[in-house]
Amino acid sequence: MSMKFVKGMVIGTLVSAGIVMMYTEAMAPNRKKIMKKGKQMAKKIGII
């Protein structure tokens, strides 16, 4: 397995998880906090 494939899998998983979270908490006022946490996680993993 190449690193590109692994990174693609991780990104795909994060994106789908983010979409599910946004759907389940669409009416929640803390959506901005979730987005911030997601961006922080992405930076830690090294995607961004």
Protein backbone atom coordinates (compact mmCIF):
# COMPACT_ATOMS: atom_id res chain seq x y z
CA MET A 1 0.00 0.00 0.00
CA SER A 2 1.30 3.42 -0.92
CA MET A 3 1.12 6.44 1.36
CA LYS A 4 -1.17 8.18 -1.13
CA PHE A 5 -3.68 5.35 -0.80
CA VAL A 6 -3.48 5.41 3.01
CA LYS A 7 -3.88 9.20 3.10
CA GLY A 8 -6.81 8.94 0.70
CA MET A 9 -8.50 6.41 2.97
CA VAL A 10 -7.94 8.61 6.04
CA ILE A 11 -9.26 11.71 4.26
CA GLY A 12 -12.29 9.79 2.97
CA THR A 13 -13.04 8.46 6.43
CA LEU A 14 -12.70 11.91 8.02
CA VAL A 15 -14.88 13.52 5.37
CA SER A 16 -17.64 10.93 5.70
CA ALA A 17 -17.47 11.13 9.52
CA GLY A 18 -17.64 14.93 9.30
CA ILE A 19 -20.69 14.77 7.04
CA VAL A 20 -22.44 12.35 9.41
CA MET A 21 -21.62 14.61 12.38
CA MET A 22 -22.94 17.65 10.52
CA TYR A 23 -26.19 15.83 9.71
CA THR A 24 -26.71 14.56 13.26
CA GLU A 25 -25.85 17.93 14.84
CA ALA A 26 -27.17 20.22 12.11
CA MET A 27 -29.43 22.05 14.56
CA ALA A 28 -26.81 22.19 17.31
CA PRO A 29 -25.36 25.62 18.10
CA ASN A 30 -21.86 24.18 18.56
CA ARG A 31 -21.32 23.38 14.89
CA LYS A 32 -18.44 25.89 14.68
CA LYS A 33 -16.67 24.09 17.53
CA ILE A 34 -16.98 20.79 15.65
CA MET A 35 -15.48 22.38 12.53
CA LYS A 36 -12.58 23.77 14.57
CA LYS A 37 -11.92 20.37 16.14
CA GLY A 38 -12.02 18.73 12.71
CA LYS A 39 -9.50 21.22 11.33
CA GLN A 40 -7.22 20.70 14.33
CA MET A 41 -7.36 16.92 13.84
CA ALA A 42 -6.55 17.35 10.14
CA LYS A 43 -3.50 19.47 11.03
CA LYS A 44 -2.30 16.90 13.57
CA ILE A 45 -2.52 14.10 11.02
CA GLY A 46 -0.77 16.30 8.46
CA ILE A 47 -3.40 16.56 5.73
CA ILE A 48 -3.50 20.36 5.67
